[in-house]
Amino acid sequence: MLVPGGNLLNLAHNLIAFQTIRLYRNQATVAGADGVNTPVYQPPVTVNCSVQEVPNQFYQMLGLDLNKDYKMVYSSVEMKDVRRDKCPDAFDFNGFRYVVEANTDWRSQDGWAASVCVNQGKTP
C-alpha cells in the first residue's frame, strides 16, 4: 500500500530508466530598454529525472496551447516556474531548451516534484 511519504519517484526509478537534463536556475531578471525581462541563469547542474510527454487529452484540462510542445518532468529537485516579474528555470533535453511553466511540489511530503515545461526551440 502506498502512503504519503512513500516517494513514488524513487519506486519508479527502480523500474524505468531516468533521463539526464541540464538545469539552469534563474539567478536574476534584467529588464531591457524595451521593457522585456531577460533571464540570467546560473551555470547548469545535471539532474536525473523522468521526462514524459504531456498527453494531448491533458492540454485542454491544463489550459495548454495545442500548438506547443510540453513535457512533464518528475524530479527530486525544485524547479522554479513562471512568477510575476520573475523568469522561470530552464533546462536542456535532447537538443531543445524548455522552461518551467507550472510546478507542483510534493518534495516535503513525498520527495518529488512535477513540472509542466514548454519547448522554447533548439538549445542555444
N, C-alpha and C. Protein backbone atom coordinates (compact mmCIF):
# COMPACT_ATOMS: atom_id res chain seq x y z
N MET A 1 0.84 -1.18 0.00
CA MET A 1 0.00 0.00 0.00
C MET A 1 0.88 1.24 0.00
N LEU A 2 0.54 2.20 -0.85
CA LEU A 2 1.30 3.44 -0.92
C LEU A 2 0.68 4.47 0.01
N VAL A 3 1.52 5.10 0.78
CA VAL A 3 1.07 6.11 1.72
C VAL A 3 1.90 7.37 1.52
N PRO A 4 1.40 8.52 1.99
CA PRO A 4 2.24 9.72 1.90
C PRO A 4 3.60 9.45 2.52
N GLY A 5 4.63 9.94 1.85
CA GLY A 5 5.99 9.69 2.30
C GLY A 5 6.61 8.47 1.64
N GLY A 6 5.84 7.78 0.77
CA GLY A 6 6.34 6.58 0.12
C GLY A 6 7.28 6.85 -1.04
N ASN A 7 7.38 8.07 -1.52
CA ASN A 7 8.26 8.50 -2.59
C ASN A 7 8.10 7.66 -3.85
N LEU A 8 7.02 7.91 -4.58
CA LEU A 8 6.74 7.19 -5.83
C LEU A 8 7.85 7.37 -6.87
N LEU A 9 8.51 8.52 -6.85
CA LEU A 9 9.58 8.77 -7.82
C LEU A 9 10.71 7.77 -7.63
N ASN A 10 11.10 7.51 -6.40
CA ASN A 10 12.16 6.51 -6.16
C ASN A 10 11.70 5.12 -6.58
N LEU A 11 10.44 4.79 -6.33
CA LEU A 11 9.92 3.49 -6.76
C LEU A 11 9.95 3.37 -8.28
N ALA A 12 9.55 4.43 -8.97
CA ALA A 12 9.57 4.42 -10.44
C ALA A 12 10.99 4.30 -10.96
N HIS A 13 11.93 4.95 -10.30
CA HIS A 13 13.33 4.90 -10.73
C HIS A 13 13.88 3.48 -10.68
N ASN A 14 13.34 2.66 -9.82
CA ASN A 14 13.75 1.26 -9.75
C ASN A 14 13.22 0.45 -10.92
N LEU A 15 12.18 0.96 -11.62
CA LEU A 15 11.54 0.22 -12.71
C LEU A 15 11.87 0.76 -14.09
N ILE A 16 12.10 2.06 -14.21
CA ILE A 16 12.36 2.67 -15.51
C ILE A 16 13.64 3.49 -15.45
N ALA A 17 14.28 3.63 -16.59
CA ALA A 17 15.50 4.44 -16.66
C ALA A 17 15.13 5.92 -16.64
N PHE A 18 15.86 6.69 -15.86
CA PHE A 18 15.65 8.13 -15.83
C PHE A 18 16.52 8.79 -16.90
N GLN A 19 16.16 10.02 -17.24
CA GLN A 19 16.91 10.80 -18.19
C GLN A 19 17.74 11.84 -17.43
N THR A 20 18.70 12.41 -18.12
CA THR A 20 19.53 13.46 -17.55
C THR A 20 19.24 14.77 -18.27
N ILE A 21 19.01 15.82 -17.49
CA ILE A 21 18.82 17.16 -18.06
C ILE A 21 19.89 18.08 -17.49
N ARG A 22 20.12 19.18 -18.20
CA ARG A 22 21.00 20.25 -17.70
C ARG A 22 20.08 21.38 -17.25
N LEU A 23 19.97 21.57 -15.93
CA LEU A 23 19.07 22.55 -15.35
C LEU A 23 19.79 23.88 -15.15
N TYR A 24 19.15 24.95 -15.64
CA TYR A 24 19.65 26.30 -15.47
C TYR A 24 18.72 27.03 -14.51
N ARG A 25 19.22 27.34 -13.33
CA ARG A 25 18.42 28.06 -12.35
C ARG A 25 18.47 29.56 -12.64
N ASN A 26 17.31 30.19 -12.57
CA ASN A 26 17.23 31.63 -12.80
C ASN A 26 17.93 32.35 -11.65
N GLN A 27 18.94 33.11 -11.99
CA GLN A 27 19.70 33.86 -10.99
C GLN A 27 19.17 35.27 -10.83
N ALA A 28 18.78 35.88 -11.93
CA ALA A 28 18.28 37.26 -11.91
C ALA A 28 17.46 37.50 -13.16
N THR A 29 16.73 38.59 -13.12
CA THR A 29 15.97 39.02 -14.29
C THR A 29 16.38 40.47 -14.58
N VAL A 30 16.78 40.69 -15.81
CA VAL A 30 17.23 42.01 -16.21
C VAL A 30 16.22 42.59 -17.20
N ALA A 31 15.73 43.79 -16.90
CA ALA A 31 14.78 44.46 -17.80
C ALA A 31 15.57 45.20 -18.87
N GLY A 32 15.27 44.91 -20.13
CA GLY A 32 15.92 45.59 -21.23
C GLY A 32 15.31 46.96 -21.47
N ALA A 33 15.92 47.72 -22.38
CA ALA A 33 15.42 49.06 -22.72
C ALA A 33 13.99 49.01 -23.25
N ASP A 34 13.64 47.86 -23.85
CA ASP A 34 12.29 47.70 -24.40
C ASP A 34 11.28 47.23 -23.34
N GLY A 35 11.76 47.05 -22.09
CA GLY A 35 10.88 46.63 -21.00
C GLY A 35 10.69 45.13 -20.91
N VAL A 36 11.34 44.37 -21.78
CA VAL A 36 11.23 42.91 -21.77
C VAL A 36 12.23 42.33 -20.77
N ASN A 37 11.75 41.47 -19.88
CA ASN A 37 12.62 40.81 -18.92
C ASN A 37 13.42 39.70 -19.60
N THR A 38 14.72 39.67 -19.30
CA THR A 38 15.61 38.65 -19.83
C THR A 38 16.23 37.90 -18.66
N PRO A 39 16.15 36.57 -18.67
CA PRO A 39 16.73 35.82 -17.55
C PRO A 39 18.25 35.76 -17.62
N VAL A 40 18.86 35.74 -16.44
CA VAL A 40 20.28 35.48 -16.29
C VAL A 40 20.35 34.19 -15.47
N TYR A 41 20.99 33.17 -16.05
CA TYR A 41 21.00 31.85 -15.40
C TYR A 41 22.31 31.55 -14.72
N GLN A 42 22.24 30.75 -13.66
CA GLN A 42 23.43 30.19 -13.01
C GLN A 42 24.01 29.14 -13.94
N PRO A 43 25.28 28.74 -13.72
CA PRO A 43 25.82 27.63 -14.51
C PRO A 43 24.94 26.38 -14.34
N PRO A 44 24.84 25.55 -15.37
CA PRO A 44 23.93 24.40 -15.30
C PRO A 44 24.38 23.33 -14.31
N VAL A 45 23.38 22.63 -13.78
CA VAL A 45 23.62 21.45 -12.95
C VAL A 45 22.95 20.26 -13.62
N THR A 46 23.50 19.09 -13.44
CA THR A 46 22.95 17.87 -14.02
C THR A 46 21.91 17.29 -13.05
N VAL A 47 20.73 16.96 -13.59
CA VAL A 47 19.65 16.42 -12.78
C VAL A 47 19.14 15.14 -13.44
N ASN A 48 19.02 14.07 -12.66
CA ASN A 48 18.39 12.83 -13.13
C ASN A 48 16.91 12.92 -12.82
N CYS A 49 16.09 12.64 -13.82
CA CYS A 49 14.65 12.81 -13.64
C CYS A 49 13.91 11.96 -14.68
N SER A 50 12.61 12.00 -14.60
CA SER A 50 11.76 11.36 -15.60
C SER A 50 11.11 12.44 -16.44
N VAL A 51 11.41 12.44 -17.74
CA VAL A 51 10.84 13.42 -18.68
C VAL A 51 9.82 12.67 -19.52
N GLN A 52 8.57 13.15 -19.51
CA GLN A 52 7.49 12.45 -20.21
C GLN A 52 6.67 13.43 -21.05
N GLU A 53 6.11 12.92 -22.12
CA GLU A 53 5.19 13.71 -22.96
C GLU A 53 3.93 14.03 -22.15
N VAL A 54 3.35 15.18 -22.44
CA VAL A 54 2.04 15.51 -21.88
C VAL A 54 1.00 14.98 -22.86
N PRO A 55 0.15 14.05 -22.43
CA PRO A 55 -0.86 13.52 -23.34
C PRO A 55 -1.78 14.62 -23.88
N ASN A 56 -2.14 14.52 -25.14
CA ASN A 56 -2.99 15.54 -25.78
C ASN A 56 -4.28 15.80 -25.02
N GLN A 57 -4.87 14.78 -24.42
CA GLN A 57 -6.14 14.98 -23.72
C GLN A 57 -5.97 15.86 -22.47
N PHE A 58 -4.72 16.05 -22.00
CA PHE A 58 -4.48 16.91 -20.84
C PHE A 58 -4.30 18.37 -21.22
N TYR A 59 -4.05 18.65 -22.50
CA TYR A 59 -3.81 20.03 -22.92
C TYR A 59 -4.95 20.95 -22.52
N GLN A 60 -6.19 20.57 -22.85
CA GLN A 60 -7.33 21.41 -22.53
C GLN A 60 -7.54 21.47 -21.02
N MET A 61 -7.42 20.35 -20.35
CA MET A 61 -7.62 20.31 -18.90
C MET A 61 -6.63 21.23 -18.18
N LEU A 62 -5.40 21.32 -18.70
CA LEU A 62 -4.36 22.14 -18.07
C LEU A 62 -4.28 23.54 -18.67
N GLY A 63 -5.10 23.82 -19.69
CA GLY A 63 -5.08 25.13 -20.32
C GLY A 63 -3.85 25.38 -21.16
N LEU A 64 -3.33 24.33 -21.79
CA LEU A 64 -2.10 24.44 -22.58
C LEU A 64 -2.42 24.76 -24.04
N ASP A 65 -1.47 25.36 -24.72
CA ASP A 65 -1.59 25.73 -26.13
C ASP A 65 -1.34 24.49 -26.99
N LEU A 66 -2.32 24.10 -27.80
CA LEU A 66 -2.19 22.90 -28.64
C LEU A 66 -1.08 23.01 -29.68
N ASN A 67 -0.60 24.22 -29.96
CA ASN A 67 0.45 24.41 -30.95
C ASN A 67 1.85 24.34 -30.36
N LYS A 68 1.95 24.05 -29.07
CA LYS A 68 3.26 23.98 -28.41
C LYS A 68 3.55 22.57 -27.94
N ASP A 69 4.84 22.31 -27.72
CA ASP A 69 5.32 21.01 -27.23
C ASP A 69 5.62 21.11 -25.74
N TYR A 70 4.93 20.29 -24.94
CA TYR A 70 5.11 20.30 -23.50
C TYR A 70 5.67 18.97 -23.02
N LYS A 71 6.39 19.03 -21.92
CA LYS A 71 6.89 17.83 -21.23
C LYS A 71 6.52 17.94 -19.76
N MET A 72 6.32 16.80 -19.14
CA MET A 72 6.20 16.71 -17.68
C MET A 72 7.55 16.22 -17.17
N VAL A 73 8.06 16.89 -16.16
CA VAL A 73 9.33 16.49 -15.56
C VAL A 73 9.07 16.15 -14.11
N TYR A 74 9.44 14.94 -13.73
CA TYR A 74 9.31 14.47 -12.35
C TYR A 74 10.71 14.33 -11.78
N SER A 75 10.98 15.06 -10.70
CA SER A 75 12.34 15.04 -10.14
C SER A 75 12.30 15.26 -8.64
N SER A 76 13.45 15.07 -8.02
CA SER A 76 13.56 15.30 -6.58
C SER A 76 14.11 16.68 -6.28
N VAL A 77 14.31 17.50 -7.31
CA VAL A 77 14.82 18.86 -7.10
C VAL A 77 13.73 19.89 -7.43
N GLU A 78 13.82 21.02 -6.78
CA GLU A 78 12.87 22.10 -7.03
C GLU A 78 13.21 22.78 -8.35
N MET A 79 12.18 23.06 -9.13
CA MET A 79 12.33 23.82 -10.36
C MET A 79 11.34 24.98 -10.27
N LYS A 80 11.85 26.20 -10.39
CA LYS A 80 11.00 27.40 -10.25
C LYS A 80 10.22 27.64 -11.53
N ASP A 81 8.93 27.94 -11.37
CA ASP A 81 8.07 28.18 -12.51
C ASP A 81 7.88 29.68 -12.75
N VAL A 82 7.02 30.02 -13.70
CA VAL A 82 6.75 31.40 -14.04
C VAL A 82 6.09 32.09 -12.85
N ARG A 83 6.61 33.24 -12.49
CA ARG A 83 6.04 34.04 -11.41
C ARG A 83 6.03 35.50 -11.84
N ARG A 84 5.25 36.29 -11.20
CA ARG A 84 5.19 37.73 -11.54
C ARG A 84 6.58 38.35 -11.41
N ASP A 85 7.00 39.02 -12.48
CA ASP A 85 8.29 39.72 -12.53
C ASP A 85 9.49 38.79 -12.35
N LYS A 86 9.33 37.51 -12.55
CA LYS A 86 10.43 36.56 -12.43
C LYS A 86 10.41 35.66 -13.66
N CYS A 87 11.58 35.30 -14.11
CA CYS A 87 11.69 34.33 -15.21
C CYS A 87 11.86 32.94 -14.60
N PRO A 88 11.34 31.91 -15.25
CA PRO A 88 11.43 30.56 -14.69
C PRO A 88 12.79 29.92 -14.94
N ASP A 89 13.01 28.80 -14.25
CA ASP A 89 14.18 27.98 -14.54
C ASP A 89 14.01 27.37 -15.92
N ALA A 90 15.12 26.93 -16.49
CA ALA A 90 15.11 26.32 -17.83
C ALA A 90 15.98 25.07 -17.80
N PHE A 91 15.80 24.20 -18.79
CA PHE A 91 16.68 23.04 -18.90
C PHE A 91 16.82 22.63 -20.36
N ASP A 92 17.91 21.93 -20.63
CA ASP A 92 18.17 21.38 -21.96
C ASP A 92 17.93 19.89 -21.92
N PHE A 93 17.23 19.40 -22.96
CA PHE A 93 16.92 17.98 -23.06
C PHE A 93 16.80 17.61 -24.54
N ASN A 94 17.56 16.64 -24.96
CA ASN A 94 17.52 16.14 -26.34
C ASN A 94 17.65 17.25 -27.38
N GLY A 95 18.52 18.21 -27.11
CA GLY A 95 18.79 19.26 -28.09
C GLY A 95 17.82 20.43 -28.07
N PHE A 96 16.91 20.47 -27.10
CA PHE A 96 15.94 21.55 -27.01
C PHE A 96 15.99 22.21 -25.64
N ARG A 97 15.62 23.48 -25.60
CA ARG A 97 15.54 24.24 -24.34
C ARG A 97 14.08 24.31 -23.93
N TYR A 98 13.81 24.00 -22.67
CA TYR A 98 12.46 24.06 -22.10
C TYR A 98 12.47 25.02 -20.91
N VAL A 99 11.34 25.68 -20.67
CA VAL A 99 11.19 26.49 -19.46
C VAL A 99 10.02 25.93 -18.65
N VAL A 100 10.10 26.13 -17.35
CA VAL A 100 9.10 25.61 -16.42
C VAL A 100 7.92 26.57 -16.38
N GLU A 101 6.73 26.08 -16.73
CA GLU A 101 5.52 26.91 -16.70
C GLU A 101 4.74 26.75 -15.40
N ALA A 102 4.72 25.55 -14.87
CA ALA A 102 3.97 25.29 -13.64
C ALA A 102 4.67 24.18 -12.87
N ASN A 103 4.55 24.23 -11.56
CA ASN A 103 5.24 23.26 -10.72
C ASN A 103 4.32 22.84 -9.58
N THR A 104 4.31 21.55 -9.30
CA THR A 104 3.61 21.02 -8.14
C THR A 104 4.66 20.36 -7.27
N ASP A 105 4.89 20.92 -6.10
CA ASP A 105 5.99 20.50 -5.24
C ASP A 105 5.50 19.60 -4.11
N TRP A 106 5.82 18.32 -4.22
CA TRP A 106 5.48 17.33 -3.20
C TRP A 106 6.74 16.90 -2.43
N ARG A 107 7.84 17.65 -2.59
CA ARG A 107 9.10 17.20 -2.00
C ARG A 107 9.05 17.07 -0.49
N SER A 108 8.38 17.98 0.19
CA SER A 108 8.35 17.90 1.66
C SER A 108 7.56 16.69 2.15
N GLN A 109 6.60 16.23 1.35
CA GLN A 109 5.77 15.09 1.77
C GLN A 109 6.26 13.78 1.17
N ASP A 110 6.58 13.79 -0.13
CA ASP A 110 6.91 12.54 -0.80
C ASP A 110 8.25 12.54 -1.53
N GLY A 111 9.00 13.64 -1.48
CA GLY A 111 10.34 13.66 -2.04
C GLY A 111 10.45 13.93 -3.52
N TRP A 112 9.37 14.42 -4.15
CA TRP A 112 9.43 14.69 -5.59
C TRP A 112 8.55 15.88 -5.96
N ALA A 113 8.79 16.39 -7.16
CA ALA A 113 8.00 17.49 -7.70
C ALA A 113 7.69 17.21 -9.16
N ALA A 114 6.57 17.74 -9.64
CA ALA A 114 6.17 17.59 -11.04
C ALA A 114 6.12 18.97 -11.67
N SER A 115 6.71 19.11 -12.85
CA SER A 115 6.75 20.40 -13.53
C SER A 115 6.25 20.27 -14.95
N VAL A 116 5.38 21.20 -15.37
CA VAL A 116 4.94 21.29 -16.75
C VAL A 116 5.90 22.27 -17.43
N CYS A 117 6.53 21.81 -18.52
CA CYS A 117 7.57 22.61 -19.18
C CYS A 117 7.25 22.73 -20.67
N VAL A 118 7.59 23.89 -21.24
CA VAL A 118 7.28 24.15 -22.64
C VAL A 118 8.56 24.33 -23.44
N ASN A 119 8.57 23.77 -24.65
CA ASN A 119 9.70 23.83 -25.56
C ASN A 119 9.88 25.26 -26.06
N GLN A 120 11.13 25.75 -25.99
CA GLN A 120 11.46 27.08 -26.47
C GLN A 120 12.29 27.05 -27.75
N GLY A 121 12.50 25.85 -28.29
CA GLY A 121 13.29 25.73 -29.51
C GLY A 121 14.62 25.03 -29.27
N LYS A 122 15.44 25.02 -30.29
CA LYS A 122 16.75 24.36 -30.21
C LYS A 122 17.59 24.94 -29.08
N THR A 123 18.42 24.10 -28.48
CA THR A 123 19.32 24.54 -27.43
C THR A 123 20.28 25.60 -27.98
N PRO A 124 20.39 26.74 -27.26
CA PRO A 124 21.29 27.80 -27.75
C PRO A 124 22.75 27.37 -27.73
